[in-house]
Protein backbone atom coordinates (compact mmCIF):
# COMPACT_ATOMS: atom_id res chain seq x y z
CA MET A 1 0.07 -0.02 0.10
CA ASN A 2 1.15 3.42 -0.88
CA GLY A 3 2.81 5.03 2.34
CA GLU A 4 0.85 8.20 2.21
CA ILE A 5 -2.46 6.35 2.07
CA GLN A 6 -1.43 3.95 4.80
CA GLN A 7 -0.32 6.63 7.23
CA ALA A 8 -3.19 8.95 6.73
CA SER A 9 -5.80 6.18 6.97
CA SER A 10 -4.15 4.84 10.08
CA ILE A 11 -4.08 8.32 11.72
CA VAL A 12 -7.90 8.55 10.96
CA ILE A 13 -8.52 5.11 12.50
CA ALA A 14 -6.66 5.95 15.59
CA ALA A 15 -8.56 9.36 15.80
CA ARG A 16 -11.85 7.92 15.34
CA LYS A 17 -11.24 5.41 18.12
CA ALA A 18 -9.97 8.17 20.51
CA LEU A 19 -13.04 10.19 19.83
CA PHE A 20 -15.23 7.22 20.35
CA GLU A 21 -13.79 6.32 23.58
CA LYS A 22 -12.97 9.86 24.67
CA SER A 23 -9.41 8.94 25.15
CA PRO A 24 -5.91 10.17 24.02
CA ILE A 25 -4.96 9.10 20.59
CA ASP A 26 -2.71 5.95 20.34
CA PHE A 27 -0.48 6.22 17.19
CA THR A 28 3.13 5.15 16.47
CA PRO A 29 4.73 6.42 13.20
CA ALA A 30 6.25 3.97 10.88
CA LYS A 31 10.24 3.49 11.42
CA HIS A 32 11.04 5.35 8.32
CA ILE A 33 9.19 8.44 9.56
CA ARG A 34 11.60 10.99 10.95
CA ALA A 35 8.93 13.78 11.60
CA ILE A 36 5.34 14.52 11.35
CA GLN A 37 3.95 18.02 11.48
CA PHE A 38 0.47 19.47 11.11
CA VAL A 39 0.04 23.18 9.90
CA PHE A 40 -3.36 24.55 10.83
CA ALA A 41 -4.98 27.31 8.64
CA PRO A 42 -5.06 30.69 10.19
CA ARG A 43 -8.47 31.23 12.01
CA SER A 44 -8.81 34.78 10.96
CA TRP A 45 -7.37 36.92 8.07
CA PHE A 46 -4.53 38.10 10.22
CA GLY A 47 -4.14 35.00 12.20
CA VAL A 48 -1.09 32.88 12.77
CA SER A 49 -0.90 29.20 11.67
CA ALA A 50 -0.76 26.89 14.56
CA LYS A 51 1.57 24.01 14.30
CA ALA A 52 1.64 20.58 15.83
CA LYS A 53 4.68 18.42 15.85
CA SER A 54 3.05 15.08 16.38
CA VAL A 55 -0.01 13.16 15.77
CA ALA A 56 -0.83 13.39 19.48
CA ALA A 57 -0.30 17.18 19.60
CA TRP A 58 -2.57 17.53 16.38
CA PHE A 59 -5.33 15.50 17.91
CA ASP A 60 -5.35 17.44 21.25
CA LEU A 61 -5.41 20.68 19.33
CA CYS A 62 -8.30 19.46 17.06
CA ARG A 63 -10.15 18.27 20.18
CA LYS A 64 -9.87 21.76 21.82
CA ARG A 65 -10.95 23.41 18.70
CA GLY A 66 -14.18 21.42 18.46
CA LEU A 67 -13.46 18.18 16.35
CA LYS A 68 -16.71 16.39 15.78
CA ASP A 69 -15.65 13.74 13.30
CA VAL A 70 -12.68 12.74 11.29
CA LYS A 71 -12.61 10.95 7.90
CA PHE A 72 -10.26 9.59 5.27
CA ILE A 73 -10.69 10.30 1.58
CA VAL A 74 -8.84 9.13 -1.35
CA PRO A 75 -9.78 9.13 -5.32
CA SER A 76 -11.19 5.67 -6.15
CA GLY A 77 -9.58 5.63 -9.56
CA ARG A 78 -6.48 7.03 -11.37
CA LYS A 79 -6.02 7.70 -15.04
CA ASN A 80 -2.21 6.94 -14.68
CA ARG A 81 -1.65 4.20 -12.10
CA HIS A 82 1.98 4.29 -12.76
CA LEU A 83 2.25 7.31 -10.47
CA LEU A 84 0.82 5.54 -7.54
CA GLY A 85 4.49 4.42 -6.65
CA PHE A 86 5.74 7.83 -6.13
CA ALA A 87 5.45 10.27 -3.35
CA ASN A 88 2.82 13.12 -3.22
CA THR A 89 0.62 11.42 -5.92
CA SER A 90 -2.11 9.71 -3.68
CA GLN A 91 -4.24 12.78 -3.36
CA CYS A 92 -5.54 11.47 0.04
CA VAL A 93 -6.87 13.94 2.61
CA ILE A 94 -7.70 13.79 6.27
CA VAL A 95 -11.13 15.49 6.66
CA CYS A 96 -12.07 17.27 9.81
CA CYS A 97 -15.71 17.99 10.64
CA TRP A 98 -16.03 20.77 13.26
CA GLU A 99 -18.66 21.65 15.74
CA ASN A 100 -19.17 25.00 14.19
CA GLY A 101 -20.41 23.35 10.89
CA LYS A 102 -17.26 23.87 9.03
CA THR A 103 -15.01 21.22 7.29
CA SER A 104 -11.31 21.22 6.58
CA HIS A 105 -8.91 19.01 4.82
CA PHE A 106 -5.38 18.20 5.96
CA CYS A 107 -3.36 17.40 2.88
CA PRO A 108 0.01 15.51 3.28
CA PHE A 109 3.26 16.36 1.64
CA TRP A 110 6.27 13.90 1.88
CA GLU A 111 9.84 14.95 1.49
CA TYR A 112 12.87 12.54 1.87
CA ASP A 113 15.60 13.34 4.24
CA ALA A 114 18.74 11.62 2.72
CA LYS A 115 20.89 12.57 5.71
CA ASN A 116 18.65 10.77 8.23
CA GLU A 117 17.34 8.08 5.73
CA GLY A 118 13.73 8.77 6.40
CA TRP A 119 10.68 10.94 5.54
CA HIS A 120 9.46 14.27 6.76
CA VAL A 121 5.50 14.64 6.47
CA VAL A 122 3.81 17.87 6.53
CA TYR A 123 0.01 18.08 6.70
CA ASN A 124 -1.39 21.45 5.66
CA GLU A 125 -4.94 22.36 6.51
CA GLN A 126 -7.29 23.90 4.08
CA TYR A 127 -10.94 24.88 4.60
CA VAL A 128 -13.49 23.96 2.11
CA ALA A 129 -16.69 25.68 1.06
CA ASN A 130 -19.15 23.05 2.04
CA ASN A 131 -19.23 20.06 4.30
CA ALA A 132 -20.23 17.47 1.66
CA PHE A 133 -18.08 14.75 3.44
CA GLU A 134 -19.83 15.19 6.86
CA ASN A 135 -22.60 12.74 6.20
CA LEU A 136 -20.68 10.49 3.93
CA HIS A 137 -21.27 6.73 4.55
CA PHE A 138 -19.81 3.68 2.99
CA THR A 139 -21.36 0.20 2.80
CA GLU A 140 -19.55 -3.18 2.62
CA LYS A 141 -19.45 -4.45 -0.95
CA THR A 142 -17.05 -7.39 -0.43
CA ASP A 143 -18.93 -9.55 -3.00
CA GLU A 144 -17.74 -7.14 -5.70
CA PHE A 145 -14.29 -7.20 -4.00
CA LYS A 146 -14.07 -10.88 -4.03
CA ASP A 147 -15.20 -11.08 -7.55
CA ILE A 148 -12.42 -8.90 -9.09
CA LEU A 149 -9.83 -10.69 -6.86
CA LEU A 150 -10.83 -14.02 -8.54
CA LYS A 151 -10.82 -12.61 -12.05
CA ILE A 152 -7.50 -10.85 -11.75
CA SER A 153 -5.89 -13.72 -9.95
CA ARG A 154 -6.91 -16.05 -12.96
CA PHE A 155 -5.75 -13.46 -15.39
CA ALA A 156 -2.28 -13.07 -13.69
CA ALA A 157 -1.95 -16.96 -13.84
CA GLU A 158 -2.71 -16.96 -17.49
CA LEU A 159 -0.04 -14.33 -18.11
CA ASP A 160 2.42 -16.60 -16.11
CA PHE A 161 2.67 -14.16 -13.26
CA SER A 162 2.25 -16.72 -10.60
CA TYR A 163 3.57 -14.32 -7.71
CA PHE A 164 0.59 -11.76 -8.39
CA ALA A 165 -1.80 -14.68 -8.98
CA ASP A 166 -0.91 -15.89 -5.38
CA VAL A 167 -1.19 -12.49 -3.97
CA PHE A 168 -4.70 -11.85 -5.29
CA GLN A 169 -5.80 -15.49 -4.26
CA ASP A 170 -4.45 -15.02 -0.77
CA SER A 171 -6.47 -11.83 -0.54
CA TYR A 172 -9.52 -13.52 -1.79
CA GLU A 173 -9.28 -16.38 0.71
CA VAL A 174 -8.81 -14.05 3.78
CA LEU A 175 -11.82 -11.90 2.74
CA ASN A 176 -13.81 -15.13 2.06
CA ALA A 177 -12.81 -16.35 5.69
CA SER A 178 -11.21 -19.39 4.28
CA LYS A 179 -7.75 -18.32 5.59
CA SER A 180 -6.76 -16.56 8.72
CA VAL A 181 -5.49 -12.97 8.91
CA ASN A 182 -1.85 -12.18 9.25
CA GLY A 183 -2.07 -8.95 11.40
CA GLU A 184 1.51 -7.62 10.83
CA ASN A 185 0.55 -4.58 8.81
CA ILE A 186 -3.10 -4.01 10.19
CA PRO A 187 -3.61 -1.05 12.51
CA THR A 188 -3.99 -2.29 16.13
CA GLN A 189 -6.88 0.16 16.68
CA LEU A 190 -8.90 -1.38 14.01
CA PRO A 191 -11.82 -3.47 15.42
CA ASP A 192 -11.68 -7.24 14.65
CA GLU A 193 -14.69 -7.21 12.14
CA TYR A 194 -12.80 -5.05 9.80
CA LYS A 195 -9.35 -6.56 9.78
CA SER A 196 -9.90 -9.19 7.07
CA ILE A 197 -11.03 -6.55 4.61
CA TYR A 198 -8.02 -4.22 5.55
CA TYR A 199 -5.68 -7.15 5.04
CA ALA A 200 -7.10 -8.01 1.63
CA VAL A 201 -6.81 -4.37 0.65
CA GLU A 202 -3.14 -4.05 1.95
CA ARG A 203 -2.20 -7.50 0.31
CA ALA A 204 -3.66 -6.91 -3.03
CA ASP A 205 -2.45 -3.33 -3.38
CA VAL A 206 0.26 -4.04 -5.73
CA PHE A 207 0.39 -0.75 -7.69
CA GLY A 208 3.76 0.63 -6.94
CA ALA A 209 6.69 1.31 -9.25
CA MET A 210 9.49 -1.15 -10.36
CA GLY A 211 8.47 -4.78 -9.92
CA SER A 212 4.90 -3.95 -9.36
CA TRP A 213 1.67 -4.91 -11.27
CA ASN A 214 2.22 -1.82 -13.24
CA ASP A 215 5.84 -2.85 -14.38
CA SER A 216 6.07 -6.04 -16.60
CA PRO A 217 2.50 -7.36 -16.63
CA PRO A 218 0.95 -4.79 -19.19
CA TRP A 219 3.75 -5.47 -21.68
CA TYR A 220 3.14 -9.26 -21.47
CA ALA A 221 -0.63 -8.57 -21.76
CA GLU A 222 -0.03 -6.41 -24.84
CA GLU A 223 2.06 -9.12 -26.39
CA LYS A 224 -0.78 -11.75 -25.99
CA GLY A 225 -3.44 -9.34 -27.25
CA ARG A 226 -4.92 -8.82 -23.73
CA LYS A 227 -4.05 -5.26 -22.92
CA LYS A 228 -7.76 -4.10 -22.72
CA GLU A 229 -8.40 -6.96 -20.23
CA TYR A 230 -5.50 -5.98 -18.22
CA GLU A 231 -6.55 -2.31 -18.04
CA GLU A 232 -10.22 -3.14 -17.22
CA LEU A 233 -9.37 -5.62 -14.56
CA SER A 234 -6.67 -3.34 -12.90
CA ASN A 235 -8.82 -0.28 -12.95
CA GLU A 236 -11.58 -2.28 -11.24
CA LEU A 237 -9.31 -3.63 -8.67
CA LEU A 238 -7.93 -0.16 -7.76
CA VAL A 239 -11.43 1.13 -7.30
CA GLN A 240 -12.34 -1.85 -4.95
CA LEU A 241 -9.06 -1.30 -2.95
CA ARG A 242 -9.69 2.39 -2.42
CA TYR A 243 -13.35 2.01 -1.68
CA HIS A 244 -12.92 -0.81 0.96
CA LEU A 245 -9.99 1.18 2.53
CA MET A 246 -12.33 4.04 3.02
CA TYR A 247 -14.99 1.82 4.15
CA VAL A 248 -13.02 0.20 6.95
CA THR A 249 -11.50 3.50 7.91
CA ASN A 250 -14.60 5.59 7.93
CA GLU A 251 -16.98 3.17 9.32
CA CYS A 252 -15.14 1.90 12.15
CA TRP A 253 -15.66 3.55 15.56
CA ARG A 254 -18.73 5.27 14.36
CA GLN A 255 -20.59 7.62 16.82
CA ALA A 256 -24.20 6.85 17.65
């Protein structure tokens, strides 16, 4: 899974749990993250931008400012999937719904620190004109997810990419409850009923750069006259991955 998407969705899962339980947020950055900073938009024309130098500090300030709900949004499709392996291409946002009726987005920007061999991440807040995301709900559509996993697994096998075929099959089996979940990359704050879906999303997200599903498979598909099928299956898989990541992130720990 793209690191930007994984981090932002994990922050939202942790924040939703903290709001639900009325407790401090519990979030530990990945080992390759050297710093996370949140820059708030000025609250008045001549105001100063407040800054938080950790997820915990960000959440505390959000809570003091009247945070009502928090969501994770990411585009469900992309015209150029080859860009998904690069930094600052995910277009994901953390959406904050405030008690005053306003809505704002925290947009991440990742920058690599070669000296310290890690990433610095800055989330900048922008207010939006409407609160379209406040009442946004997602429903489980795992039958559609399982269907595309089976189709693309068979397709990968027919192209002689057994590794990808096994990856898609593994995701399908976990989603179908015929295989147990390996929780290594699953956020600890996620409720048990969502873990199999999260695992399937994380496992089947093979859209990176070199060595990914975007690399050699499209060329082999074109040689065999199956490029259109490759594109259609890949696009549908990406849609299902993104949708179900938003489903587990935004529906967990829902307030009554």
